[in-house]
């Protein structure tokens, strides 16, 4: 089994303590504010003389509408930070950890500025720190690992691999310490890029798994909110959500943050005319963006609910 396949099995485990179980990513607020009642019923097949009209159940319809919109918005805003963080660590092997740490903080602070509501920031930071803790306590290289040299691997090769892993572990620890000191927020996309790069998971698989786990967490929240059942959730995950994840991963795989010279040459934006914005550049450029303002408003109103079971 190749490294990517094995890591996908490890990281897709729903029992990993990543903190996603306490977050609905705005779904609870979306349902409580009555938005499923606004949309007309979706029809999966048109009426013909041979085949009757099939109505999609309201709970499934509401969940799918939210997942499609939320996943698209989340991919456009967050995936560039995952991609650039991953590329930074994988490509800049000769850079010192101090220099890498400064770049990671730049990514993290940019994402903090682009996240438009405090509810999303709160959940993102909690899950980000949980990921780094998971790496330090669950995925780091133990001291006794030297006793298990892989078959067909020389001691020199194992020594080089171990030294590289130790450098990455030191970077993760330094990043986690800077979060605890309040020097950087520690958001989920940045921490996910750090985690998967440190585990040597490929960037493409990291992007796909990042979106898959987000979509799965929405379905898990929908089950707890009683809009769909566990069997319907698995059906959606296999037959419907797969296409959504593939589409958004493809659409946003080349989008970059433009934050640092490590991953992309700096380009000075053209100077617009006074009191005018170059909208063509903003729409065409491959930069992160918020594409679902309604979702941001709904998420921001989460704490205003009279009763709630999620923290976001």
C-alpha atoms as a PDB file:
ATOM      1  CA  UNK A   1       0.000   0.000   0.000  1.00  0.00           C
ATOM      2  CA  UNK A   2       1.385   3.409  -0.959  1.00  0.00           C
ATOM      3  CA  UNK A   3       1.852   6.204   1.580  1.00  0.00           C
ATOM      4  CA  UNK A   4      -1.095   8.316   0.357  1.00  0.00           C
ATOM      5  CA  UNK A   5      -3.574   5.443   0.566  1.00  0.00           C
ATOM      6  CA  UNK A   6      -2.507   4.517   4.074  1.00  0.00           C
ATOM      7  CA  UNK A   7      -2.673   8.120   5.286  1.00  0.00           C
ATOM      8  CA  UNK A   8      -6.150   8.530   3.797  1.00  0.00           C
ATOM      9  CA  UNK A   9      -7.306   5.564   5.874  1.00  0.00           C
ATOM     10  CA  UNK A  10      -5.799   7.114   9.010  1.00  0.00           C
ATOM     11  CA  UNK A  11      -7.029  10.675   8.506  1.00  0.00           C
ATOM     12  CA  UNK A  12     -10.558   9.762   7.404  1.00  0.00           C
ATOM     13  CA  UNK A  13     -11.234   8.010  10.717  1.00  0.00           C
ATOM     14  CA  UNK A  14     -14.245   9.702  12.273  1.00  0.00           C
ATOM     15  CA  UNK A  15     -12.929   8.966  15.779  1.00  0.00           C
ATOM     16  CA  UNK A  16      -9.913  11.245  15.454  1.00  0.00           C
ATOM     17  CA  UNK A  17     -10.090  14.050  18.068  1.00  0.00           C
ATOM     18  CA  UNK A  18     -10.215  16.985  15.664  1.00  0.00           C
ATOM     19  CA  UNK A  19     -13.121  18.872  17.237  1.00  0.00           C
ATOM     20  CA  UNK A  20     -15.347  18.751  14.145  1.00  0.00           C
ATOM     21  CA  UNK A  21     -18.092  16.917  16.072  1.00  0.00           C
ATOM     22  CA  UNK A  22     -19.075  20.108  17.921  1.00  0.00           C
ATOM     23  CA  UNK A  23     -19.414  22.265  14.804  1.00  0.00           C
ATOM     24  CA  UNK A  24     -22.282  22.452  12.310  1.00  0.00           C
ATOM     25  CA  UNK A  25     -20.597  25.154  10.161  1.00  0.00           C
ATOM     26  CA  UNK A  26     -23.791  27.210  10.151  1.00  0.00           C
ATOM     27  CA  UNK A  27     -26.219  24.377   9.356  1.00  0.00           C
ATOM     28  CA  UNK A  28     -28.016  24.587  12.705  1.00  0.00           C
ATOM     29  CA  UNK A  29     -28.567  28.333  12.301  1.00  0.00           C
ATOM     30  CA  UNK A  30     -29.673  27.783   8.685  1.00  0.00           C
ATOM     31  CA  UNK A  31     -32.353  25.330   9.778  1.00  0.00           C
ATOM     32  CA  UNK A  32     -33.475  27.315  12.835  1.00  0.00           C
ATOM     33  CA  UNK A  33     -33.964  30.448  10.726  1.00  0.00           C
ATOM     34  CA  UNK A  34     -36.392  28.555   8.478  1.00  0.00           C
ATOM     35  CA  UNK A  35     -34.482  28.679   5.210  1.00  0.00           C
ATOM     36  CA  UNK A  36     -35.501  25.149   4.092  1.00  0.00           C
ATOM     37  CA  UNK A  37     -39.098  26.414   3.880  1.00  0.00           C
ATOM     38  CA  UNK A  38     -38.109  29.187   1.470  1.00  0.00           C
ATOM     39  CA  UNK A  39     -36.887  26.940  -1.316  1.00  0.00           C
ATOM     40  CA  UNK A  40     -39.418  25.173  -3.536  1.00  0.00           C
ATOM     41  CA  UNK A  41     -39.352  21.409  -3.701  1.00  0.00           C
ATOM     42  CA  UNK A  42     -36.660  20.052  -5.994  1.00  0.00           C
ATOM     43  CA  UNK A  43     -37.637  17.462  -8.574  1.00  0.00           C
ATOM     44  CA  UNK A  44     -35.147  14.777  -9.514  1.00  0.00           C
ATOM     45  CA  UNK A  45     -36.996  13.649 -12.629  1.00  0.00           C
ATOM     46  CA  UNK A  46     -39.490  15.326 -14.931  1.00  0.00           C
ATOM     47  CA  UNK A  47     -42.981  13.931 -15.291  1.00  0.00           C
ATOM     48  CA  UNK A  48     -43.495  11.679 -18.323  1.00  0.00           C
ATOM     49  CA  UNK A  49     -46.178   9.253 -19.375  1.00  0.00           C
ATOM     50  CA  UNK A  50     -43.999   6.319 -18.287  1.00  0.00           C
ATOM     51  CA  UNK A  51     -42.345   7.749 -15.152  1.00  0.00           C
ATOM     52  CA  UNK A  52     -44.014   9.663 -12.292  1.00  0.00           C
ATOM     53  CA  UNK A  53     -42.584  12.763 -10.621  1.00  0.00           C
ATOM     54  CA  UNK A  54     -40.258  11.907  -7.722  1.00  0.00           C
ATOM     55  CA  UNK A  55     -40.179  14.464  -4.928  1.00  0.00           C
ATOM     56  CA  UNK A  56     -37.015  14.755  -2.857  1.00  0.00           C
ATOM     57  CA  UNK A  57     -37.794  14.616   0.901  1.00  0.00           C
ATOM     58  CA  UNK A  58     -37.574  18.050   2.484  1.00  0.00           C
ATOM     59  CA  UNK A  59     -34.845  17.092   4.964  1.00  0.00           C
ATOM     60  CA  UNK A  60     -32.596  15.733   2.224  1.00  0.00           C
ATOM     61  CA  UNK A  61     -33.368  18.700   0.000  1.00  0.00           C
ATOM     62  CA  UNK A  62     -32.513  21.226   2.708  1.00  0.00           C
ATOM     63  CA  UNK A  63     -29.293  19.418   3.575  1.00  0.00           C
ATOM     64  CA  UNK A  64     -28.165  19.188  -0.042  1.00  0.00           C
ATOM     65  CA  UNK A  65     -28.883  22.850  -0.759  1.00  0.00           C
ATOM     66  CA  UNK A  66     -26.820  23.886   2.247  1.00  0.00           C
ATOM     67  CA  UNK A  67     -23.939  21.491   1.546  1.00  0.00           C
ATOM     68  CA  UNK A  68     -23.655  22.592  -2.079  1.00  0.00           C
ATOM     69  CA  UNK A  69     -23.543  26.288  -1.224  1.00  0.00           C
ATOM     70  CA  UNK A  70     -21.409  25.932   1.893  1.00  0.00           C
ATOM     71  CA  UNK A  71     -18.896  23.562   0.316  1.00  0.00           C
ATOM     72  CA  UNK A  72     -18.396  25.850  -2.694  1.00  0.00           C
ATOM     73  CA  UNK A  73     -17.862  28.884  -0.456  1.00  0.00           C
ATOM     74  CA  UNK A  74     -15.570  27.015   1.926  1.00  0.00           C
ATOM     75  CA  UNK A  75     -13.441  25.630  -0.908  1.00  0.00           C
ATOM     76  CA  UNK A  76     -12.950  29.044  -2.530  1.00  0.00           C
ATOM     77  CA  UNK A  77     -11.966  30.679   0.761  1.00  0.00           C
ATOM     78  CA  UNK A  78     -10.063  27.941   2.588  1.00  0.00           C
ATOM     79  CA  UNK A  79      -8.523  25.611   0.007  1.00  0.00           C
ATOM     80  CA  UNK A  80      -5.940  28.202  -1.204  1.00  0.00           C
ATOM     81  CA  UNK A  81      -4.539  28.355   2.325  1.00  0.00           C
ATOM     82  CA  UNK A  82      -4.328  24.565   2.503  1.00  0.00           C
ATOM     83  CA  UNK A  83      -2.562  24.457  -0.866  1.00  0.00           C
ATOM     84  CA  UNK A  84      -0.038  27.201  -0.174  1.00  0.00           C
ATOM     85  CA  UNK A  85       0.769  25.978   3.336  1.00  0.00           C
ATOM     86  CA  UNK A  86       1.356  22.474   2.000  1.00  0.00           C
ATOM     87  CA  UNK A  87       3.505  23.734  -0.877  1.00  0.00           C
ATOM     88  CA  UNK A  88       5.524  25.906   1.479  1.00  0.00           C
ATOM     89  CA  UNK A  89       6.564  23.026   3.716  1.00  0.00           C
ATOM     90  CA  UNK A  90       7.104  20.464   0.953  1.00  0.00           C
ATOM     91  CA  UNK A  91       9.031  22.694  -1.477  1.00  0.00           C
ATOM     92  CA  UNK A  92      11.112  24.829   0.868  1.00  0.00           C
ATOM     93  CA  UNK A  93      13.190  22.009   2.326  1.00  0.00           C
ATOM     94  CA  UNK A  94      16.290  24.189   2.746  1.00  0.00           C
ATOM     95  CA  UNK A  95      14.522  27.019   4.597  1.00  0.00           C
ATOM     96  CA  UNK A  96      14.960  27.277   8.335  1.00  0.00           C
ATOM     97  CA  UNK A  97      12.057  26.604  10.645  1.00  0.00           C
ATOM     98  CA  UNK A  98      12.157  30.249  11.755  1.00  0.00           C
ATOM     99  CA  UNK A  99      11.579  31.429   8.197  1.00  0.00           C
ATOM    100  CA  UNK A 100       8.853  28.852   7.617  1.00  0.00           C
ATOM    101  CA  UNK A 101       7.152  29.875  10.841  1.00  0.00           C
ATOM    102  CA  UNK A 102       6.969  33.509   9.723  1.00  0.00           C
ATOM    103  CA  UNK A 103       5.354  32.415   6.438  1.00  0.00           C
ATOM    104  CA  UNK A 104       2.850  30.182   8.262  1.00  0.00           C
ATOM    105  CA  UNK A 105       1.868  33.075  10.487  1.00  0.00           C
ATOM    106  CA  UNK A 106       1.337  35.233   7.397  1.00  0.00           C
ATOM    107  CA  UNK A 107      -1.058  32.659   5.951  1.00  0.00           C
ATOM    108  CA  UNK A 108      -2.854  32.326   9.266  1.00  0.00           C
ATOM    109  CA  UNK A 109      -3.289  36.049   9.782  1.00  0.00           C
ATOM    110  CA  UNK A 110      -4.562  36.521   6.230  1.00  0.00           C
ATOM    111  CA  UNK A 111      -7.172  33.830   6.783  1.00  0.00           C
ATOM    112  CA  UNK A 112      -8.176  35.484  10.064  1.00  0.00           C
ATOM    113  CA  UNK A 113      -8.738  38.760   8.187  1.00  0.00           C
ATOM    114  CA  UNK A 114     -10.751  37.079   5.419  1.00  0.00           C
ATOM    115  CA  UNK A 115     -13.058  35.179   7.806  1.00  0.00           C
ATOM    116  CA  UNK A 116     -16.020  37.502   8.172  1.00  0.00           C
ATOM    117  CA  UNK A 117     -17.688  36.369  11.405  1.00  0.00           C
ATOM    118  CA  UNK A 118     -16.541  35.473  14.881  1.00  0.00           C
ATOM    119  CA  UNK A 119     -18.454  32.187  14.995  1.00  0.00           C
ATOM    120  CA  UNK A 120     -16.523  30.731  12.071  1.00  0.00           C
ATOM    121  CA  UNK A 121     -13.249  32.043  13.484  1.00  0.00           C
ATOM    122  CA  UNK A 122     -13.947  30.411  16.826  1.00  0.00           C
ATOM    123  CA  UNK A 123     -14.676  26.990  15.354  1.00  0.00           C
ATOM    124  CA  UNK A 124     -11.758  27.171  12.901  1.00  0.00           C
ATOM    125  CA  UNK A 125      -9.255  27.991  15.639  1.00  0.00           C
ATOM    126  CA  UNK A 126     -10.523  25.226  17.925  1.00  0.00           C
ATOM    127  CA  UNK A 127     -10.238  22.612  15.165  1.00  0.00           C
ATOM    128  CA  UNK A 128      -6.847  23.905  14.036  1.00  0.00           C
ATOM    129  CA  UNK A 129      -5.276  23.552  17.474  1.00  0.00           C
ATOM    130  CA  UNK A 130      -6.871  20.086  17.796  1.00  0.00           C
ATOM    131  CA  UNK A 131      -5.140  19.015  14.575  1.00  0.00           C
ATOM    132  CA  UNK A 132      -1.718  20.150  15.757  1.00  0.00           C
ATOM    133  CA  UNK A 133      -2.238  18.403  19.087  1.00  0.00           C
ATOM    134  CA  UNK A 134      -3.259  15.267  17.199  1.00  0.00           C
ATOM    135  CA  UNK A 135      -0.024  15.375  15.218  1.00  0.00           C
ATOM    136  CA  UNK A 136       2.174  15.963  18.271  1.00  0.00           C
ATOM    137  CA  UNK A 137       0.571  13.221  20.370  1.00  0.00           C
ATOM    138  CA  UNK A 138      -0.626  10.756  17.765  1.00  0.00           C
ATOM    139  CA  UNK A 139       1.425  11.064  14.587  1.00  0.00           C
ATOM    140  CA  UNK A 140       4.846  12.226  15.743  1.00  0.00           C
ATOM    141  CA  UNK A 141       7.808   9.873  15.445  1.00  0.00           C
ATOM    142  CA  UNK A 142       8.399   8.087  18.795  1.00  0.00           C
ATOM    143  CA  UNK A 143      11.897   7.683  20.183  1.00  0.00           C
ATOM    144  CA  UNK A 144      11.731   3.914  19.981  1.00  0.00           C
ATOM    145  CA  UNK A 145      10.946   3.919  16.230  1.00  0.00           C
ATOM    146  CA  UNK A 146      14.633   3.442  15.385  1.00  0.00           C
ATOM    147  CA  UNK A 147      14.231  -0.194  16.418  1.00  0.00           C
ATOM    148  CA  UNK A 148      11.875  -0.765  13.483  1.00  0.00           C
ATOM    149  CA  UNK A 149      13.866  -0.046  10.327  1.00  0.00           C
ATOM    150  CA  UNK A 150      11.679  -0.760   7.317  1.00  0.00           C
ATOM    151  CA  UNK A 151      12.462  -3.778   5.167  1.00  0.00           C
ATOM    152  CA  UNK A 152      14.782  -2.870   2.307  1.00  0.00           C
ATOM    153  CA  UNK A 153      15.691   0.450   3.927  1.00  0.00           C
ATOM    154  CA  UNK A 154      19.299   1.121   4.821  1.00  0.00           C
ATOM    155  CA  UNK A 155      20.265   2.693   8.124  1.00  0.00           C
ATOM    156  CA  UNK A 156      21.522   5.790   6.268  1.00  0.00           C
ATOM    157  CA  UNK A 157      18.211   6.249   4.438  1.00  0.00           C
ATOM    158  CA  UNK A 158      16.314   5.745   7.658  1.00  0.00           C
ATOM    159  CA  UNK A 159      18.541   8.290   9.398  1.00  0.00           C
ATOM    160  CA  UNK A 160      17.873  10.910   6.700  1.00  0.00           C
ATOM    161  CA  UNK A 161      14.128  10.238   6.848  1.00  0.00           C
ATOM    162  CA  UNK A 162      14.150  10.468  10.638  1.00  0.00           C
ATOM    163  CA  UNK A 163      16.048  13.768  10.583  1.00  0.00           C
ATOM    164  CA  UNK A 164      13.534  15.223   8.122  1.00  0.00           C
ATOM    165  CA  UNK A 165      10.602  14.078  10.244  1.00  0.00           C
ATOM    166  CA  UNK A 166      12.185  15.540  13.362  1.00  0.00           C
ATOM    167  CA  UNK A 167      12.587  18.904  11.605  1.00  0.00           C
ATOM    168  CA  UNK A 168       8.907  18.893  10.617  1.00  0.00           C
ATOM    169  CA  UNK A 169       7.871  17.923  14.132  1.00  0.00           C
ATOM    170  CA  UNK A 170       9.931  20.805  15.528  1.00  0.00           C
ATOM    171  CA  UNK A 171       8.150  23.152  13.097  1.00  0.00           C
ATOM    172  CA  UNK A 172       4.731  21.887  14.197  1.00  0.00           C
ATOM    173  CA  UNK A 173       5.687  22.332  17.857  1.00  0.00           C
ATOM    174  CA  UNK A 174       6.968  25.861  17.188  1.00  0.00           C
ATOM    175  CA  UNK A 175       3.767  26.749  15.325  1.00  0.00           C
ATOM    176  CA  UNK A 176       1.629  25.356  18.146  1.00  0.00           C
ATOM    177  CA  UNK A 177       3.649  27.325  20.703  1.00  0.00           C
ATOM    178  CA  UNK A 178       3.176  30.547  18.731  1.00  0.00           C
ATOM    179  CA  UNK A 179      -0.592  29.922  18.776  1.00  0.00           C
ATOM    180  CA  UNK A 180      -0.584  29.444  22.535  1.00  0.00           C
ATOM    181  CA  UNK A 181       1.396  32.685  22.955  1.00  0.00           C
ATOM    182  CA  UNK A 182      -1.259  34.500  20.920  1.00  0.00           C
ATOM    183  CA  UNK A 183       1.104  35.377  18.062  1.00  0.00           C
ATOM    184  CA  UNK A 184      -1.125  33.711  15.451  1.00  0.00           C
ATOM    185  CA  UNK A 185      -4.734  32.400  15.480  1.00  0.00           C
ATOM    186  CA  UNK A 186      -4.102  28.792  14.373  1.00  0.00           C
ATOM    187  CA  UNK A 187      -6.911  28.352  11.842  1.00  0.00           C
ATOM    188  CA  UNK A 188      -7.975  24.982  10.476  1.00  0.00           C
ATOM    189  CA  UNK A 189      -6.870  25.394   6.801  1.00  0.00           C
ATOM    190  CA  UNK A 190      -3.345  26.422   7.781  1.00  0.00           C
ATOM    191  CA  UNK A 191      -3.042  23.670  10.378  1.00  0.00           C
ATOM    192  CA  UNK A 192      -4.414  21.092   7.940  1.00  0.00           C
ATOM    193  CA  UNK A 193      -1.785  22.051   5.370  1.00  0.00           C
ATOM    194  CA  UNK A 194       0.917  21.766   8.041  1.00  0.00           C
ATOM    195  CA  UNK A 195      -0.355  18.383   9.232  1.00  0.00           C
ATOM    196  CA  UNK A 196      -0.658  16.752   5.818  1.00  0.00           C
ATOM    197  CA  UNK A 197       2.663  18.134   4.587  1.00  0.00           C
ATOM    198  CA  UNK A 198       4.407  16.881   7.728  1.00  0.00           C
ATOM    199  CA  UNK A 199       2.877  13.436   7.110  1.00  0.00           C
ATOM    200  CA  UNK A 200       4.080  13.568   3.468  1.00  0.00           C
ATOM    201  CA  UNK A 201       0.563  13.303   2.052  1.00  0.00           C
ATOM    202  CA  UNK A 202       0.418  14.647  -1.511  1.00  0.00           C
ATOM    203  CA  UNK A 203      -1.138  18.071  -2.039  1.00  0.00           C
ATOM    204  CA  UNK A 204      -3.879  16.763  -4.318  1.00  0.00           C
ATOM    205  CA  UNK A 205      -4.980  14.173  -1.765  1.00  0.00           C
ATOM    206  CA  UNK A 206      -4.748  16.768   0.992  1.00  0.00           C
ATOM    207  CA  UNK A 207      -7.107  19.073  -0.910  1.00  0.00           C
ATOM    208  CA  UNK A 208      -9.610  16.327  -1.652  1.00  0.00           C
ATOM    209  CA  UNK A 209      -9.610  14.946   1.886  1.00  0.00           C
ATOM    210  CA  UNK A 210      -9.983  18.432   3.356  1.00  0.00           C
ATOM    211  CA  UNK A 211     -13.201  19.031   1.399  1.00  0.00           C
ATOM    212  CA  UNK A 212     -14.472  15.491   1.945  1.00  0.00           C
ATOM    213  CA  UNK A 213     -14.121  15.799   5.725  1.00  0.00           C
ATOM    214  CA  UNK A 214     -15.902  19.156   5.661  1.00  0.00           C
ATOM    215  CA  UNK A 215     -18.828  17.703   3.689  1.00  0.00           C
ATOM    216  CA  UNK A 216     -18.956  14.649   5.946  1.00  0.00           C
ATOM    217  CA  UNK A 217     -19.052  16.851   9.049  1.00  0.00           C
ATOM    218  CA  UNK A 218     -22.081  18.670   7.595  1.00  0.00           C
ATOM    219  CA  UNK A 219     -23.857  15.362   7.072  1.00  0.00           C
ATOM    220  CA  UNK A 220     -22.960  14.308  10.610  1.00  0.00           C
ATOM    221  CA  UNK A 221     -24.446  17.566  11.911  1.00  0.00           C
ATOM    222  CA  UNK A 222     -27.582  17.006   9.810  1.00  0.00           C
ATOM    223  CA  UNK A 223     -28.064  13.609  11.467  1.00  0.00           C
ATOM    224  CA  UNK A 224     -27.818  15.119  14.947  1.00  0.00           C
ATOM    225  CA  UNK A 225     -30.241  17.871  13.899  1.00  0.00           C
ATOM    226  CA  UNK A 226     -32.662  15.166  12.726  1.00  0.00           C
ATOM    227  CA  UNK A 227     -33.020  16.437   9.163  1.00  0.00           C
ATOM    228  CA  UNK A 228     -31.741  13.184   7.672  1.00  0.00           C
ATOM    229  CA  UNK A 229     -31.056   9.694   8.996  1.00  0.00           C
ATOM    230  CA  UNK A 230     -27.742   7.828   9.105  1.00  0.00           C
ATOM    231  CA  UNK A 231     -28.575   5.639   6.109  1.00  0.00           C
ATOM    232  CA  UNK A 232     -29.614   8.626   3.994  1.00  0.00           C
ATOM    233  CA  UNK A 233     -26.377  10.302   5.023  1.00  0.00           C
ATOM    234  CA  UNK A 234     -24.326   7.410   3.655  1.00  0.00           C
ATOM    235  CA  UNK A 235     -26.349   7.418   0.442  1.00  0.00           C
ATOM    236  CA  UNK A 236     -25.712  11.129  -0.044  1.00  0.00           C
ATOM    237  CA  UNK A 237     -22.032  10.749   0.785  1.00  0.00           C
ATOM    238  CA  UNK A 238     -21.589   8.013  -1.814  1.00  0.00           C
ATOM    239  CA  UNK A 239     -23.878   9.125  -4.640  1.00  0.00           C
ATOM    240  CA  UNK A 240     -24.198  12.922  -4.400  1.00  0.00           C
ATOM    241  CA  UNK A 241     -21.504  14.503  -2.260  1.00  0.00           C
ATOM    242  CA  UNK A 242     -18.715  12.743  -4.165  1.00  0.00           C
ATOM    243  CA  UNK A 243     -19.454  14.822  -7.259  1.00  0.00           C
ATOM    244  CA  UNK A 244     -19.614  18.042  -5.236  1.00  0.00           C
ATOM    245  CA  UNK A 245     -16.234  17.390  -3.622  1.00  0.00           C
ATOM    246  CA  UNK A 246     -14.597  16.524  -6.944  1.00  0.00           C
ATOM    247  CA  UNK A 247     -16.044  19.616  -8.608  1.00  0.00           C
ATOM    248  CA  UNK A 248     -14.937  22.055  -5.922  1.00  0.00           C
ATOM    249  CA  UNK A 249     -11.513  20.448  -5.589  1.00  0.00           C
ATOM    250  CA  UNK A 250     -11.047  20.851  -9.342  1.00  0.00           C
ATOM    251  CA  UNK A 251     -12.388  24.417  -9.409  1.00  0.00           C
ATOM    252  CA  UNK A 252     -10.214  25.659  -6.546  1.00  0.00           C
ATOM    253  CA  UNK A 253      -7.093  23.501  -6.795  1.00  0.00           C
ATOM    254  CA  UNK A 254      -5.172  26.253  -8.610  1.00  0.00           C
ATOM    255  CA  UNK A 255      -6.416  29.163  -6.467  1.00  0.00           C
ATOM    256  CA  UNK A 256      -3.614  30.651  -4.362  1.00  0.00           C
ATOM    257  CA  UNK A 257      -3.403  33.101  -1.500  1.00  0.00           C
ATOM    258  CA  UNK A 258      -0.746  35.341  -3.049  1.00  0.00           C
ATOM    259  CA  UNK A 259       0.633  35.955   0.449  1.00  0.00           C
ATOM    260  CA  UNK A 260       4.289  34.971   0.250  1.00  0.00           C
ATOM    261  CA  UNK A 261       7.134  34.764  -2.227  1.00  0.00           C
ATOM    262  CA  UNK A 262       7.597  31.100  -1.316  1.00  0.00           C
ATOM    263  CA  UNK A 263       4.611  29.875  -3.285  1.00  0.00           C
ATOM    264  CA  UNK A 264       3.907  32.591  -5.803  1.00  0.00           C
ATOM    265  CA  UNK A 265       5.799  35.594  -7.168  1.00  0.00           C
ATOM    266  CA  UNK A 266       4.472  38.876  -5.875  1.00  0.00           C
ATOM    267  CA  UNK A 267       2.459  40.816  -8.421  1.00  0.00           C
ATOM    268  CA  UNK A 268       1.663  44.432  -7.791  1.00  0.00           C
ATOM    269  CA  UNK A 269      -2.042  44.995  -8.594  1.00  0.00           C
ATOM    270  CA  UNK A 270      -2.871  47.625 -11.197  1.00  0.00           C
ATOM    271  CA  UNK A 271      -3.758  51.003  -9.760  1.00  0.00           C
ATOM    272  CA  UNK A 272      -7.483  51.653 -10.313  1.00  0.00           C
ATOM    273  CA  UNK A 273      -8.909  55.049 -11.117  1.00  0.00           C
ATOM    274  CA  UNK A 274      -9.895  57.189  -8.101  1.00  0.00           C
ATOM    275  CA  UNK A 275     -13.016  55.913  -6.314  1.00  0.00           C
ATOM    276  CA  UNK A 276     -13.212  52.963  -8.678  1.00  0.00           C
ATOM    277  CA  UNK A 277     -12.376  49.304  -8.230  1.00  0.00           C
ATOM    278  CA  UNK A 278     -11.007  47.006 -10.886  1.00  0.00           C
ATOM    279  CA  UNK A 279     -13.848  44.474 -10.674  1.00  0.00           C
ATOM    280  CA  UNK A 280     -12.638  42.542 -13.705  1.00  0.00           C
ATOM    281  CA  UNK A 281      -9.353  41.772 -11.939  1.00  0.00           C
ATOM    282  CA  UNK A 282     -11.108  40.738  -8.728  1.00  0.00           C
ATOM    283  CA  UNK A 283     -13.458  38.381 -10.556  1.00  0.00           C
ATOM    284  CA  UNK A 284     -10.833  36.848 -12.840  1.00  0.00           C
ATOM    285  CA  UNK A 285      -7.904  36.527 -10.460  1.00  0.00           C
ATOM    286  CA  UNK A 286      -7.213  33.225  -8.727  1.00  0.00           C
ATOM    287  CA  UNK A 287      -7.462  34.551  -5.188  1.00  0.00           C
ATOM    288  CA  UNK A 288      -9.519  33.451  -2.172  1.00  0.00           C
ATOM    289  CA  UNK A 289     -12.944  35.020  -1.870  1.00  0.00           C
ATOM    290  CA  UNK A 290     -16.225  34.841   0.010  1.00  0.00           C
ATOM    291  CA  UNK A 291     -18.826  33.643  -2.478  1.00  0.00           C
ATOM    292  CA  UNK A 292     -21.880  33.079  -0.222  1.00  0.00           C
ATOM    293  CA  UNK A 293     -22.630  36.218   1.848  1.00  0.00           C
ATOM    294  CA  UNK A 294     -25.928  34.759   3.068  1.00  0.00           C
ATOM    295  CA  UNK A 295     -24.035  31.862   4.623  1.00  0.00           C
ATOM    296  CA  UNK A 296     -21.800  34.295   6.496  1.00  0.00           C
ATOM    297  CA  UNK A 297     -24.835  36.127   7.900  1.00  0.00           C
ATOM    298  CA  UNK A 298     -26.503  32.873   8.935  1.00  0.00           C
ATOM    299  CA  UNK A 299     -23.331  31.614  10.624  1.00  0.00           C
ATOM    300  CA  UNK A 300     -22.875  34.934  12.451  1.00  0.00           C
ATOM    301  CA  UNK A 301     -26.341  34.590  14.009  1.00  0.00           C
ATOM    302  CA  UNK A 302     -25.610  31.187  15.541  1.00  0.00           C
ATOM    303  CA  UNK A 303     -25.189  32.465  19.108  1.00  0.00           C
ATOM    304  CA  UNK A 304     -28.506  34.327  18.906  1.00  0.00           C
ATOM    305  CA  UNK A 305     -30.514  31.096  18.882  1.00  0.00           C
ATOM    306  CA  UNK A 306     -32.549  30.442  22.012  1.00  0.00           C
ATOM    307  CA  UNK A 307     -31.216  26.881  22.225  1.00  0.00           C
ATOM    308  CA  UNK A 308     -28.443  25.169  20.265  1.00  0.00           C
ATOM    309  CA  UNK A 309     -26.474  21.929  20.342  1.00  0.00           C
ATOM    310  CA  UNK A 310     -23.410  23.037  18.361  1.00  0.00           C
ATOM    311  CA  UNK A 311     -20.899  25.785  19.087  1.00  0.00           C
ATOM    312  CA  UNK A 312     -20.978  27.021  15.486  1.00  0.00           C
END
